[in-house]
Amino acid sequence: MSRFEMNLEEVTITRAGEFAKHESHDQSTHGSWADGGGGAEAGDIRSELATYFGTDTVSYLASEGYKSVIERTNTSSDSRLDIIAEKQGFDGVPTVVSATDLNKLSREDYEIAYRGIAEGTYPIGIGAVPSSTYFEQFKSGKYHSGLGQAGNGIYFADNYRVAKSYAGERGTVMRVGIPKNKMMSSDKFHEAILQNKADMDANKFSFYGAEDVGRNLASQGVRAVRTHFNLGNYNDGATLEKVYIVYDRSMLRVQDVPATD
């Protein structure tokens, strides 16, 4: 499990105007963040999810989606986002490449990012789960969405040291390439957060569970977003750090071995 999600109560989301000064231009103009990538054909499935999950508590408890959620045992993952990812084809495994090949990726087309993976604890308390287990799972195993205050998803940092601070001394840092033209811009993401808040205040959602902005965006075919946080776990939150939240694992290029500084 990554401490990158579990410590996100410490983050502060900056205003849209502050996002803009950290980006030379809006990469979303390079292509659609809802098309292509990883072989998945994503689209807006909110109507389907309204039937699958229901639209309120009563209909949710009687829904097929609720039955699927309670059958899943990985309580550290967002089961509803996992289901959405599966329906969108976002749960496919990433492309594993060497460090040399990752270095060759065009910086015009890809963002290089890092994810800190800390040791986990077995449910029965008999010892620690090596971070390498989670690393291998990410590369070739079952899809696992993270939990975060800026919406659930798989979190990555632009800065290796940020990721390392969440991995800890015995943790693993993963290095990936994220297609720029598959990411929603930070300004648009901020707008989505504000819209989700307005919907929450009005108790108006397209399906049960759409109050989480990550689920909501993934249900519309959004593959990833970029944003900036003041991360309290790194440098006492004194610096604004670039962060990526990914919903589509299948579009990533993942370095085959852990990253080093």
Protein backbone atom coordinates (compact mmCIF):
# COMPACT_ATOMS: atom_id res chain seq x y z
CA MET A 1 0.00 0.00 0.00
CA SER A 2 1.28 3.44 -0.86
CA ARG A 3 1.46 6.04 1.91
CA PHE A 4 1.08 8.54 -0.89
CA GLU A 5 -2.69 8.08 -0.71
CA MET A 6 -3.12 7.32 2.94
CA ASN A 7 -1.49 10.59 4.05
CA LEU A 8 -3.42 12.84 1.69
CA GLU A 9 -5.40 14.39 4.54
CA GLU A 10 -2.31 16.58 4.81
CA VAL A 11 -2.50 18.02 1.31
CA THR A 12 -3.79 21.41 0.28
CA ILE A 13 -5.27 21.79 -3.19
CA THR A 14 -4.27 25.07 -4.76
CA ARG A 15 -6.49 27.34 -6.80
CA ALA A 16 -6.77 27.04 -10.57
CA GLY A 17 -4.81 30.24 -11.09
CA GLU A 18 -1.90 28.80 -9.14
CA PHE A 19 -1.94 25.67 -11.28
CA ALA A 20 -1.47 27.69 -14.45
CA LYS A 21 1.86 29.22 -13.51
CA HIS A 22 3.37 25.75 -13.10
CA GLU A 23 2.53 24.66 -16.66
CA SER A 24 4.05 26.25 -19.73
CA HIS A 25 0.95 25.28 -21.72
CA ASP A 26 -2.12 23.07 -21.50
CA GLN A 27 -1.06 19.60 -22.64
CA SER A 28 -4.70 18.55 -23.06
CA THR A 29 -4.63 20.34 -26.41
CA HIS A 30 -2.22 17.64 -27.65
CA GLY A 31 -5.07 15.13 -27.80
CA SER A 32 -8.08 13.81 -25.96
CA TRP A 33 -7.58 12.50 -22.43
CA ALA A 34 -10.60 10.23 -22.98
CA ASP A 35 -9.50 8.54 -26.22
CA GLY A 36 -6.88 5.94 -27.12
CA GLY A 37 -4.25 4.70 -24.68
CA GLY A 38 -3.61 1.14 -23.61
CA GLY A 39 -5.98 -0.35 -26.20
CA ALA A 40 -8.99 0.56 -24.05
CA GLU A 41 -12.02 2.17 -25.69
CA ALA A 42 -13.37 4.31 -22.86
CA GLY A 43 -16.48 6.43 -22.90
CA ASP A 44 -19.14 7.95 -20.69
CA ILE A 45 -20.76 5.05 -18.81
CA ARG A 46 -22.60 7.04 -16.14
CA SER A 47 -26.01 5.86 -17.35
CA GLU A 48 -24.85 2.25 -17.15
CA LEU A 49 -23.50 2.84 -13.64
CA ALA A 50 -26.80 4.40 -12.54
CA THR A 51 -28.37 1.01 -13.25
CA TYR A 52 -25.44 -1.01 -11.90
CA PHE A 53 -24.90 0.93 -8.64
CA GLY A 54 -28.22 2.70 -8.29
CA THR A 55 -28.62 6.41 -7.62
CA ASP A 56 -29.27 6.49 -3.87
CA THR A 57 -28.64 4.39 -0.78
CA VAL A 58 -31.81 2.33 -1.10
CA SER A 59 -31.24 1.41 -4.76
CA TYR A 60 -27.52 0.84 -4.12
CA LEU A 61 -28.16 -1.75 -1.39
CA ALA A 62 -30.37 -3.67 -3.81
CA SER A 63 -28.02 -3.30 -6.78
CA GLU A 64 -25.76 -5.72 -8.62
CA GLY A 65 -22.91 -3.29 -7.93
CA TYR A 66 -23.37 -3.58 -4.16
CA LYS A 67 -23.17 -7.37 -4.38
CA SER A 68 -19.95 -7.07 -6.37
CA VAL A 69 -18.44 -4.64 -3.85
CA ILE A 70 -19.08 -6.84 -0.81
CA GLU A 71 -17.58 -9.84 -2.61
CA ARG A 72 -14.27 -8.03 -2.95
CA THR A 73 -11.91 -8.52 0.00
CA ASN A 74 -9.27 -5.84 -0.72
CA THR A 75 -10.59 -3.22 1.68
CA SER A 76 -7.63 -0.86 1.10
CA SER A 77 -8.74 -0.35 -2.50
CA ASP A 78 -11.76 1.60 -3.76
CA SER A 79 -13.86 -1.31 -5.01
CA ARG A 80 -16.29 0.92 -6.90
CA LEU A 81 -13.46 2.64 -8.76
CA ASP A 82 -11.92 -0.78 -9.46
CA ILE A 83 -15.23 -1.88 -11.01
CA ILE A 84 -15.42 1.30 -13.11
CA ALA A 85 -11.85 0.72 -14.29
CA GLU A 86 -12.72 -2.82 -15.31
CA LYS A 87 -15.78 -1.63 -17.25
CA GLN A 88 -13.67 1.02 -19.02
CA GLY A 89 -10.75 -1.33 -19.74
CA PHE A 90 -8.47 0.74 -17.50
CA ASP A 91 -7.48 -2.32 -15.47
CA GLY A 92 -5.22 -3.74 -18.19
CA VAL A 93 -1.58 -4.27 -17.28
CA PRO A 94 0.90 -1.53 -18.23
CA THR A 95 3.74 -1.89 -20.70
CA VAL A 96 6.91 -2.86 -18.81
CA VAL A 97 10.09 -1.37 -20.27
CA SER A 98 13.75 -1.04 -19.34
CA ALA A 99 15.15 2.13 -17.80
CA THR A 100 16.95 2.78 -21.09
CA ASP A 101 13.73 2.57 -23.08
CA LEU A 102 11.89 4.75 -20.57
CA ASN A 103 14.63 7.35 -20.89
CA LYS A 104 14.10 7.34 -24.65
CA LEU A 105 10.47 8.36 -24.40
CA SER A 106 9.86 11.78 -25.89
CA ARG A 107 9.45 14.45 -23.21
CA GLU A 108 7.04 16.13 -25.62
CA ASP A 109 4.74 13.11 -25.35
CA TYR A 110 5.33 11.67 -21.87
CA GLU A 111 5.62 12.84 -18.28
CA ILE A 112 8.07 10.86 -16.15
CA ALA A 113 6.63 10.26 -12.69
CA TYR A 114 7.32 8.31 -9.50
CA ARG A 115 5.21 6.39 -7.00
CA GLY A 116 6.30 5.50 -3.50
CA ILE A 117 5.29 2.03 -2.31
CA ALA A 118 5.64 1.31 1.41
CA GLU A 119 5.63 -2.04 3.14
CA GLY A 120 2.20 -3.36 4.01
CA THR A 121 0.94 -5.41 6.94
CA TYR A 122 -0.73 -8.79 6.65
CA PRO A 123 -4.33 -8.68 7.95
CA ILE A 124 -3.58 -11.32 10.58
CA GLY A 125 -0.57 -9.36 11.82
CA ILE A 126 2.12 -11.99 11.19
CA GLY A 127 4.55 -9.69 9.44
CA ALA A 128 5.16 -7.15 6.73
CA VAL A 129 4.28 -7.45 3.05
CA PRO A 130 7.41 -6.47 1.08
CA SER A 131 6.93 -3.41 -1.09
CA SER A 132 8.35 -5.46 -3.97
CA THR A 133 5.18 -7.58 -3.83
CA TYR A 134 3.03 -4.52 -4.52
CA PHE A 135 5.44 -3.39 -7.23
CA GLU A 136 5.09 -6.72 -9.06
CA GLN A 137 1.34 -6.62 -8.57
CA PHE A 138 1.17 -3.22 -10.22
CA LYS A 139 3.15 -4.42 -13.23
CA SER A 140 1.31 -7.67 -13.87
CA GLY A 141 -1.39 -8.28 -11.28
CA LYS A 142 -4.86 -7.16 -10.42
CA TYR A 143 -5.80 -3.48 -10.68
CA HIS A 144 -5.71 -1.65 -7.36
CA SER A 145 -6.97 1.92 -7.02
CA GLY A 146 -5.69 4.11 -4.22
CA LEU A 147 -7.53 6.39 -1.83
CA GLY A 148 -6.91 10.12 -1.83
CA GLN A 149 -8.39 13.41 -0.71
CA ALA A 150 -8.33 14.80 -4.24
CA GLY A 151 -10.39 11.86 -5.41
CA ASN A 152 -9.47 8.20 -5.51
CA GLY A 153 -7.02 6.90 -8.08
CA ILE A 154 -3.39 5.89 -8.47
CA TYR A 155 -1.14 8.74 -7.31
CA PHE A 156 2.26 9.65 -8.75
CA ALA A 157 4.69 12.49 -8.05
CA ASP A 158 6.86 14.44 -10.45
CA ASN A 159 9.69 14.43 -7.89
CA TYR A 160 11.60 11.23 -6.96
CA ARG A 161 12.27 12.53 -3.44
CA VAL A 162 8.56 13.08 -2.84
CA ALA A 163 7.81 9.47 -3.80
CA LYS A 164 10.71 8.22 -1.67
CA SER A 165 9.39 10.10 1.35
CA TYR A 166 6.18 8.10 1.10
CA ALA A 167 7.93 4.79 0.37
CA GLY A 168 10.10 4.95 3.48
CA GLU A 169 13.51 3.38 3.98
CA ARG A 170 12.42 -0.16 3.08
CA GLY A 171 9.93 0.85 0.43
CA THR A 172 10.11 0.84 -3.36
CA VAL A 173 9.91 3.74 -5.78
CA MET A 174 8.30 2.99 -9.12
CA ARG A 175 9.14 5.03 -12.24
CA VAL A 176 6.63 5.41 -15.07
CA GLY A 177 5.88 7.30 -18.26
CA ILE A 178 2.41 8.87 -18.53
CA PRO A 179 1.14 9.98 -21.97
CA LYS A 180 0.63 13.73 -21.80
CA ASN A 181 -2.27 13.75 -24.23
CA LYS A 182 -4.23 11.36 -22.01
CA MET A 183 -4.26 13.69 -19.01
CA MET A 184 -6.83 16.29 -18.05
CA SER A 185 -5.23 19.65 -17.32
CA SER A 186 -5.01 20.91 -13.75
CA ASP A 187 -7.41 23.78 -14.46
CA LYS A 188 -10.05 21.41 -15.83
CA PHE A 189 -9.47 19.08 -12.89
CA HIS A 190 -10.01 21.96 -10.47
CA GLU A 191 -13.27 22.78 -12.27
CA ALA A 192 -14.31 19.13 -11.91
CA ILE A 193 -13.62 19.26 -8.15
CA LEU A 194 -15.76 22.39 -7.79
CA GLN A 195 -18.56 20.83 -9.83
CA ASN A 196 -18.43 17.68 -7.72
CA LYS A 197 -18.68 19.80 -4.57
CA ALA A 198 -21.69 21.64 -5.99
CA ASP A 199 -23.32 18.31 -6.86
CA MET A 200 -22.59 17.02 -3.36
CA ASP A 201 -24.16 20.10 -1.76
CA ALA A 202 -27.24 19.60 -3.95
CA ASN A 203 -27.24 15.82 -3.37
CA LYS A 204 -27.26 15.41 -7.15
CA PHE A 205 -25.21 12.55 -8.62
CA SER A 206 -25.50 10.49 -11.77
CA PHE A 207 -24.85 7.22 -9.89
CA TYR A 208 -24.29 6.12 -6.31
CA GLY A 209 -20.64 6.75 -5.49
CA ALA A 210 -20.14 9.61 -7.95
CA GLU A 211 -19.47 11.97 -5.04
CA ASP A 212 -15.85 10.90 -5.39
CA VAL A 213 -14.33 12.96 -8.19
CA GLY A 214 -12.02 10.12 -9.22
CA ARG A 215 -14.90 7.72 -9.78
CA ASN A 216 -16.88 10.43 -11.53
CA LEU A 217 -14.09 11.30 -13.96
CA ALA A 218 -13.18 7.68 -14.67
CA SER A 219 -16.85 6.97 -15.42
CA GLN A 220 -16.67 9.66 -18.11
CA GLY A 221 -13.60 8.09 -19.72
CA VAL A 222 -10.98 10.39 -18.21
CA ARG A 223 -7.72 8.45 -17.95
CA ALA A 224 -5.57 10.69 -15.73
CA VAL A 225 -5.32 14.22 -14.33
CA ARG A 226 -2.51 16.54 -13.33
CA THR A 227 -2.59 18.84 -10.32
CA HIS A 228 -0.38 20.37 -7.60
CA PHE A 229 -0.31 19.76 -3.84
CA ASN A 230 1.41 21.14 -0.80
CA LEU A 231 2.42 17.73 0.56
CA GLY A 232 2.82 17.75 4.33
CA ASN A 233 4.73 14.46 4.26
CA TYR A 234 7.50 16.06 2.17
CA ASN A 235 9.47 19.16 3.10
CA ASP A 236 6.83 20.00 5.73
CA GLY A 237 4.44 21.02 2.96
CA ALA A 238 6.59 24.05 2.14
CA THR A 239 6.70 23.44 -1.62
CA LEU A 240 4.07 23.03 -4.28
CA GLU A 241 4.57 19.63 -5.91
CA LYS A 242 3.28 18.36 -9.24
CA VAL A 243 1.09 15.30 -8.81
CA TYR A 244 -0.60 12.97 -11.30
CA ILE A 245 -3.69 10.89 -10.53
CA VAL A 246 -4.09 7.97 -12.92
CA TYR A 247 -7.25 5.93 -13.52
CA ASP A 248 -6.06 3.99 -16.59
CA ARG A 249 -3.14 1.74 -15.65
CA SER A 250 -3.02 0.17 -19.11
CA MET A 251 -1.68 3.31 -20.81
CA LEU A 252 1.43 3.56 -18.62
CA ARG A 253 5.02 2.64 -19.39
CA VAL A 254 6.54 1.17 -16.22
CA GLN A 255 10.25 0.72 -15.55
CA ASP A 256 10.97 -2.95 -14.93
CA VAL A 257 13.11 -2.36 -11.84
CA PRO A 258 12.73 0.09 -8.92
CA ALA A 259 13.95 3.63 -9.47
CA THR A 260 16.97 5.07 -7.69
CA ASP A 261 17.87 8.71 -7.20
